[in-house]
Amino acid sequence: MEALTQALSSSFSVSREPNSTSAPHPRLAQYKSKYSVLEQSERRRRFLELQKEKRLNYVNHARRLADGDWTGADSEDEEEDEEKKSQRQLENSADEEGMEIEQKKKLPKHYANQLMLSEWLVDVPADLSSDWLMVVCPVGKRSLVVASKGSTSSYTKSGYCVNRFPSLIPGGKRHNSALGKDYTILDCIYSDVDRTYYILDVMCWRGHPVYDCSTEFRFYWLQSKVEEVEGLSEISKINPVDGLLFYHKETHYTPGSTPLVGWLRPYMVADILGIEVPQCPLTSKPDYASHQLQQILEHKKTSTEVRPADQNGRYELEHLSTPETQLEKSHNAQKESMDV
């Protein structure tokens, strides 16, 4: 039975990324992970070395995201291909195990795959307390937020624009757009319930890109700049927690999955980090946790949103939310019937 479960997990995996958050946590799953603890630790070291060698033109990249003008972008494909080649070198271990990779065409959307995504925190770093930063994440959907030319646009991880609105973000409102010279790019989490965008990270602020800056600096820069904007730094008292993100202090903002950002659900802290946490609904292991593998398999069979990320067959990460309650299912069913 164990062998069958392992085979199914390999066949229907939503993503071939090592320790993808779209699959159950390898150390808590009901099947054996093919990615070892040592591998994640080694990949972290290699990612840190690789980012030192990168010399990408983030100024042009940020400007194109802000202006929506991709004229001449094709001339830089070779530079991007070199980056992807380096990323593929980090994945050779998976290929050597006989994993068959299907070649896919990359998405025809310039705003797709622009967010830095996490992996499950499998290998707990020895320097976790000194060289890593923890961020508590509210419940919601990851969004790429671009404020430019007096308007603010919100994009999904797949690159679809789902909302346009005025905002207090520099460049996001007509009276503070500085004739189009100000533009800001943020990594956010959007809550449908609160209709609120929670800022997770910053890639560009007032036309100054910080992609190639360390996480420690980006977080400091974001905090200081947000405090300068009246009405933007409002802190709500109660925010439903989805999980915990762990950022290496030295990692640059790199679109795509990276082992330098780890992810844990609150109930996993005791098992993975060995830290005792108070017993409460947030830290209690949910009933669905032991059946999460089956969720992943069913999600893979029925999902129509899983799309190839680039030519080497990597898939965009999919975050599976907490299973819907019966009340939510009933509400969604009524909404669908009204739409028809």
Protein backbone atom coordinates (compact mmCIF):
# COMPACT_ATOMS: atom_id res chain seq x y z
CA MET A 1 0.00 0.00 0.00
CA GLU A 2 2.85 2.37 0.83
CA ALA A 3 4.49 1.74 -2.55
CA LEU A 4 1.19 2.41 -4.32
CA THR A 5 0.70 5.67 -2.45
CA GLN A 6 4.21 6.78 -3.33
CA ALA A 7 3.68 5.96 -7.00
CA LEU A 8 0.42 7.89 -7.09
CA SER A 9 2.00 10.91 -5.45
CA SER A 10 4.71 10.98 -8.10
CA SER A 11 2.24 10.59 -10.96
CA PHE A 12 -0.23 13.25 -9.90
CA SER A 13 2.03 15.80 -8.26
CA VAL A 14 0.88 19.34 -9.00
CA SER A 15 4.47 20.55 -9.17
CA ARG A 16 7.86 18.97 -9.73
CA GLU A 17 9.53 21.65 -7.61
CA PRO A 18 11.42 20.14 -4.67
CA ASN A 19 9.35 20.48 -1.48
CA SER A 20 6.59 22.33 -3.32
CA THR A 21 3.93 23.76 -1.00
CA SER A 22 1.32 22.40 -3.41
CA ALA A 23 2.05 18.93 -2.02
CA PRO A 24 1.94 17.72 1.60
CA HIS A 25 4.92 18.46 3.81
CA PRO A 26 7.48 15.67 3.12
CA ARG A 27 8.13 15.03 6.80
CA LEU A 28 4.44 14.90 7.68
CA ALA A 29 3.06 13.23 4.57
CA GLN A 30 1.86 9.64 4.40
CA TYR A 31 4.44 8.73 1.78
CA LYS A 32 8.21 8.98 1.58
CA SER A 33 9.63 12.10 -0.03
CA LYS A 34 12.15 11.66 -2.83
CA TYR A 35 13.90 14.88 -1.81
CA SER A 36 16.27 14.52 1.11
CA VAL A 37 16.96 16.96 3.91
CA LEU A 38 20.53 17.28 2.70
CA GLU A 39 19.34 18.27 -0.76
CA GLN A 40 17.36 21.28 0.45
CA SER A 41 20.28 22.44 2.57
CA GLU A 42 22.66 22.09 -0.37
CA ARG A 43 20.28 23.90 -2.72
CA ARG A 44 20.12 26.82 -0.31
CA ARG A 45 23.88 27.14 -0.41
CA ARG A 46 23.93 26.98 -4.21
CA PHE A 47 21.10 29.51 -4.58
CA LEU A 48 23.00 31.98 -2.41
CA GLU A 49 26.10 31.50 -4.56
CA LEU A 50 24.12 31.77 -7.79
CA GLN A 51 22.48 35.08 -6.89
CA LYS A 52 25.92 36.64 -6.44
CA GLU A 53 26.68 35.87 -10.09
CA LYS A 54 23.42 37.25 -11.50
CA ARG A 55 23.60 40.58 -13.27
CA LEU A 56 20.06 41.29 -14.42
CA ASN A 57 18.65 44.65 -15.46
CA TYR A 58 15.95 45.03 -12.83
CA VAL A 59 15.45 48.70 -13.67
CA ASN A 60 14.11 47.84 -17.14
CA HIS A 61 12.15 44.88 -15.79
CA ALA A 62 10.38 46.99 -13.15
CA ARG A 63 9.69 49.75 -15.67
CA ARG A 64 8.09 47.30 -18.10
CA LEU A 65 5.87 45.87 -15.36
CA ALA A 66 4.82 49.41 -14.44
CA ASP A 67 4.28 50.74 -17.98
CA GLY A 68 2.98 47.55 -19.55
CA ASP A 69 5.31 48.25 -22.48
CA TRP A 70 7.24 45.11 -23.45
CA THR A 71 8.67 46.45 -26.70
CA GLY A 72 12.18 45.12 -27.11
CA ALA A 73 11.78 42.58 -24.33
CA ASP A 74 12.43 39.75 -26.78
CA SER A 75 15.99 41.00 -27.26
CA GLU A 76 16.69 40.08 -23.65
CA ASP A 77 15.44 36.53 -23.97
CA GLU A 78 18.99 35.24 -24.15
CA GLU A 79 19.75 36.80 -20.77
CA GLU A 80 16.63 35.23 -19.27
CA ASP A 81 17.49 31.89 -20.85
CA GLU A 82 20.86 31.97 -19.13
CA GLU A 83 19.11 32.46 -15.80
CA LYS A 84 16.76 29.56 -16.48
CA LYS A 85 19.72 27.44 -17.54
CA SER A 86 21.31 28.09 -14.16
CA GLN A 87 18.07 27.15 -12.43
CA ARG A 88 17.87 23.93 -14.42
CA GLN A 89 21.37 23.03 -13.25
CA LEU A 90 20.02 23.09 -9.71
CA GLU A 91 17.34 20.58 -10.71
CA ASN A 92 19.60 18.01 -12.39
CA SER A 93 19.39 15.75 -9.38
CA ALA A 94 15.68 15.26 -10.01
CA ASP A 95 16.31 14.58 -13.69
CA GLU A 96 19.00 12.01 -12.91
CA GLU A 97 16.47 10.01 -10.92
CA GLY A 98 14.67 9.25 -14.15
CA MET A 99 11.96 11.85 -13.91
CA GLU A 100 10.52 12.40 -17.36
CA ILE A 101 10.08 16.11 -18.04
CA GLU A 102 7.51 17.16 -20.59
CA GLN A 103 8.51 20.27 -22.54
CA LYS A 104 5.97 23.07 -22.25
CA LYS A 105 5.55 26.47 -23.81
CA LYS A 106 5.83 29.38 -21.42
CA LEU A 107 2.79 31.45 -20.59
CA PRO A 108 2.03 34.23 -23.07
CA LYS A 109 1.61 36.68 -20.19
CA HIS A 110 4.33 39.03 -19.03
CA TYR A 111 2.85 39.30 -15.56
CA ALA A 112 2.87 35.55 -14.89
CA ASN A 113 5.33 33.95 -12.47
CA GLN A 114 6.58 37.26 -11.07
CA LEU A 115 6.26 36.32 -7.38
CA MET A 116 8.88 34.66 -5.19
CA LEU A 117 7.33 31.44 -3.89
CA SER A 118 8.28 29.29 -0.93
CA GLU A 119 9.05 25.62 -0.32
CA TRP A 120 8.06 23.58 2.69
CA LEU A 121 10.60 24.12 5.46
CA VAL A 122 11.98 20.58 5.57
CA ASP A 123 15.59 21.04 6.61
CA VAL A 124 15.61 23.33 9.65
CA PRO A 125 18.70 25.55 9.23
CA ALA A 126 21.21 25.62 12.08
CA ASP A 127 21.27 29.41 11.77
CA LEU A 128 17.47 29.79 11.79
CA SER A 129 17.45 32.08 14.84
CA SER A 130 20.23 34.36 13.58
CA ASP A 131 20.07 34.45 9.75
CA TRP A 132 16.36 34.03 9.03
CA LEU A 133 13.32 36.27 9.38
CA MET A 134 9.81 35.01 10.12
CA VAL A 135 6.67 36.59 8.67
CA VAL A 136 3.17 35.71 9.85
CA CYS A 137 0.87 35.40 6.82
CA PRO A 138 -2.84 36.22 6.86
CA VAL A 139 -5.36 34.10 5.00
CA GLY A 140 -5.72 35.17 1.39
CA LYS A 141 -4.42 34.89 -2.17
CA ARG A 142 -1.01 35.96 -3.39
CA SER A 143 -1.17 38.99 -5.66
CA LEU A 144 1.25 41.03 -7.72
CA VAL A 145 0.28 44.67 -7.16
CA VAL A 146 1.54 47.28 -9.63
CA ALA A 147 0.85 50.98 -9.03
CA SER A 148 1.62 53.21 -12.02
CA LYS A 149 0.20 56.09 -14.08
CA GLY A 150 -2.38 56.94 -11.44
CA SER A 151 -3.90 53.46 -11.20
CA THR A 152 -3.26 50.29 -9.20
CA SER A 153 -3.54 46.85 -10.83
CA SER A 154 -3.70 43.47 -9.11
CA TYR A 155 -2.51 40.29 -10.88
CA THR A 156 -2.77 36.63 -9.94
CA LYS A 157 0.26 34.35 -9.87
CA SER A 158 -0.75 33.23 -13.37
CA GLY A 159 -0.60 36.79 -14.69
CA TYR A 160 -4.30 37.62 -14.94
CA CYS A 161 -5.34 41.16 -14.03
CA VAL A 162 -8.26 40.78 -11.60
CA ASN A 163 -8.69 44.32 -10.33
CA ARG A 164 -7.85 47.97 -11.04
CA PHE A 165 -8.41 50.69 -8.47
CA PRO A 166 -6.93 53.92 -7.04
CA SER A 167 -4.73 53.48 -3.96
CA LEU A 168 -2.43 55.36 -1.59
CA ILE A 169 0.57 53.47 -2.98
CA PRO A 170 3.01 55.82 -4.79
CA GLY A 171 1.92 55.91 -8.43
CA GLY A 172 -1.45 54.33 -7.66
CA LYS A 173 -3.60 57.45 -7.61
CA ARG A 174 -3.82 60.33 -10.07
CA HIS A 175 -2.96 63.11 -7.65
CA ASN A 176 0.14 61.28 -6.33
CA SER A 177 1.41 59.68 -9.53
CA ALA A 178 4.00 62.42 -10.29
CA LEU A 179 3.15 62.49 -14.00
CA GLY A 180 3.83 58.77 -14.39
CA LYS A 181 7.35 58.88 -12.98
CA ASP A 182 6.37 57.14 -9.73
CA TYR A 183 5.62 53.44 -9.85
CA THR A 184 5.57 50.77 -7.16
CA ILE A 185 5.57 46.96 -7.34
CA LEU A 186 4.54 44.91 -4.31
CA ASP A 187 4.09 41.27 -3.35
CA CYS A 188 0.79 41.14 -1.47
CA ILE A 189 -1.81 38.82 0.01
CA TYR A 190 -5.41 39.73 -0.79
CA SER A 191 -8.23 38.86 1.60
CA ASP A 192 -11.64 38.51 -0.06
CA VAL A 193 -13.31 38.66 3.34
CA ASP A 194 -11.72 41.95 4.43
CA ARG A 195 -11.25 43.31 0.90
CA THR A 196 -7.75 44.20 2.02
CA TYR A 197 -4.27 43.87 0.52
CA TYR A 198 -1.59 42.90 3.05
CA ILE A 199 1.91 43.87 1.89
CA LEU A 200 4.28 40.91 2.11
CA ASP A 201 7.35 42.18 0.25
CA VAL A 202 8.51 45.00 -2.01
CA MET A 203 10.22 44.80 -5.41
CA CYS A 204 10.10 48.47 -6.39
CA TRP A 205 9.15 51.70 -4.60
CA ARG A 206 8.77 55.05 -6.36
CA GLY A 207 10.75 53.79 -9.35
CA HIS A 208 13.62 52.36 -7.27
CA PRO A 209 13.87 48.56 -7.78
CA VAL A 210 15.13 46.46 -4.86
CA TYR A 211 15.01 43.01 -6.47
CA ASP A 212 18.74 42.49 -5.94
CA CYS A 213 18.72 43.71 -2.32
CA SER A 214 18.74 41.38 0.68
CA THR A 215 15.51 40.46 2.43
CA GLU A 216 16.69 42.24 5.55
CA PHE A 217 17.08 45.51 3.61
CA ARG A 218 13.83 45.09 1.64
CA PHE A 219 11.84 44.62 4.83
CA TYR A 220 13.49 47.65 6.44
CA TRP A 221 12.94 49.72 3.28
CA LEU A 222 9.29 48.65 3.04
CA GLN A 223 8.57 49.44 6.68
CA SER A 224 10.17 52.88 6.53
CA LYS A 225 8.50 53.85 3.25
CA VAL A 226 5.05 52.65 4.30
CA GLU A 227 5.28 54.74 7.46
CA GLU A 228 5.83 57.82 5.29
CA VAL A 229 2.45 57.40 3.58
CA GLU A 230 -0.42 58.60 5.74
CA GLY A 231 -3.24 56.08 5.91
CA LEU A 232 -1.22 53.23 4.39
CA SER A 233 0.41 51.86 7.55
CA GLU A 234 -2.83 51.03 9.35
CA ILE A 235 -2.42 47.86 11.43
CA SER A 236 -5.56 45.82 12.08
CA LYS A 237 -5.89 44.08 15.43
CA ILE A 238 -7.29 40.73 14.33
CA ASN A 239 -6.00 38.89 11.25
CA PRO A 240 -6.72 35.20 10.54
CA VAL A 241 -3.36 33.41 10.28
CA ASP A 242 -2.68 31.07 7.36
CA GLY A 243 0.93 30.13 8.08
CA LEU A 244 4.50 31.19 8.69
CA LEU A 245 7.07 32.22 6.08
CA PHE A 246 10.79 32.00 6.85
CA TYR A 247 13.08 34.22 4.75
CA HIS A 248 16.86 33.95 4.63
CA LYS A 249 18.17 37.43 5.39
CA GLU A 250 20.49 37.49 2.37
CA THR A 251 18.15 36.21 -0.32
CA HIS A 252 17.30 38.54 -3.20
CA TYR A 253 13.77 38.79 -4.55
CA THR A 254 13.82 36.07 -7.20
CA PRO A 255 10.58 35.19 -9.06
CA GLY A 256 9.81 31.49 -8.80
CA SER A 257 10.21 28.84 -6.13
CA THR A 258 13.25 29.09 -3.85
CA PRO A 259 14.57 27.05 -0.90
CA LEU A 260 15.60 30.35 0.72
CA VAL A 261 11.96 30.93 1.70
CA GLY A 262 10.33 28.27 3.87
CA TRP A 263 6.66 27.72 4.67
CA LEU A 264 4.94 26.04 7.61
CA ARG A 265 1.37 25.78 8.79
CA PRO A 266 0.97 26.75 12.47
CA TYR A 267 0.17 23.17 13.53
CA MET A 268 3.48 21.98 12.00
CA VAL A 269 5.70 24.12 14.24
CA ALA A 270 5.90 21.59 17.06
CA ASP A 271 6.75 18.67 14.74
CA ILE A 272 9.20 20.47 12.44
CA LEU A 273 10.87 23.03 14.70
CA GLY A 274 10.55 21.10 17.95
CA ILE A 275 9.08 24.14 19.69
CA GLU A 276 6.21 23.75 22.11
CA VAL A 277 3.27 25.96 21.20
CA PRO A 278 0.11 26.72 23.20
CA GLN A 279 -2.80 24.46 22.39
CA CYS A 280 -5.44 26.41 20.52
CA PRO A 281 -7.53 25.97 17.35
CA LEU A 282 -4.74 27.55 15.31
CA THR A 283 -2.05 25.09 16.43
CA SER A 284 -4.26 22.00 16.63
CA LYS A 285 -3.69 19.52 13.83
CA PRO A 286 -6.80 19.59 11.63
CA ASP A 287 -8.63 16.43 10.69
CA TYR A 288 -7.90 16.98 7.01
CA ALA A 289 -4.12 17.06 7.55
CA SER A 290 -3.75 13.28 7.49
CA HIS A 291 -5.76 13.13 4.27
CA GLN A 292 -3.96 15.98 2.53
CA LEU A 293 -2.33 13.69 0.00
CA GLN A 294 -5.72 12.58 -1.28
CA GLN A 295 -6.70 16.24 -1.58
CA ILE A 296 -3.69 16.92 -3.74
CA LEU A 297 -4.47 13.99 -6.02
CA GLU A 298 -8.10 15.03 -6.49
CA HIS A 299 -7.10 18.67 -6.97
CA LYS A 300 -4.67 17.68 -9.70
CA LYS A 301 -7.32 15.65 -11.51
CA THR A 302 -9.96 18.38 -11.48
CA SER A 303 -7.96 21.61 -11.52
CA THR A 304 -8.05 23.66 -14.71
CA GLU A 305 -5.76 26.38 -13.37
CA VAL A 306 -2.51 24.43 -13.23
CA ARG A 307 -0.41 25.78 -16.07
CA PRO A 308 3.18 25.21 -17.16
CA ALA A 309 5.54 27.93 -15.95
CA ASP A 310 8.28 27.63 -18.55
CA GLN A 311 9.90 25.41 -21.13
CA ASN A 312 11.62 23.03 -18.71
CA GLY A 313 8.29 21.66 -17.50
CA ARG A 314 8.15 23.40 -14.12
CA TYR A 315 4.67 24.20 -12.88
CA GLU A 316 3.42 27.25 -11.09
CA LEU A 317 2.90 26.49 -7.41
CA GLU A 318 -0.69 26.11 -6.28
CA HIS A 319 -1.64 26.95 -2.69
CA LEU A 320 -4.36 24.63 -1.41
CA SER A 321 -6.53 26.46 1.09
CA THR A 322 -8.27 25.01 4.09
CA PRO A 323 -11.09 22.76 2.82
CA GLU A 324 -14.42 24.51 2.41
CA THR A 325 -17.00 24.10 5.14
CA GLN A 326 -20.47 22.85 4.29
CA LEU A 327 -21.80 26.42 4.65
CA GLU A 328 -19.21 27.78 2.20
CA LYS A 329 -19.94 24.99 -0.27
CA SER A 330 -23.67 25.78 -0.09
CA HIS A 331 -23.00 29.51 -0.59
CA ASN A 332 -20.75 28.87 -3.60
CA ALA A 333 -23.31 26.52 -5.13
CA GLN A 334 -26.02 29.17 -4.81
CA LYS A 335 -23.72 31.78 -6.37
CA GLU A 336 -22.98 29.51 -9.35
CA SER A 337 -26.68 28.87 -9.92
CA MET A 338 -27.37 32.63 -9.89
CA ASP A 339 -24.58 33.24 -12.40
CA VAL A 340 -26.15 30.73 -14.77
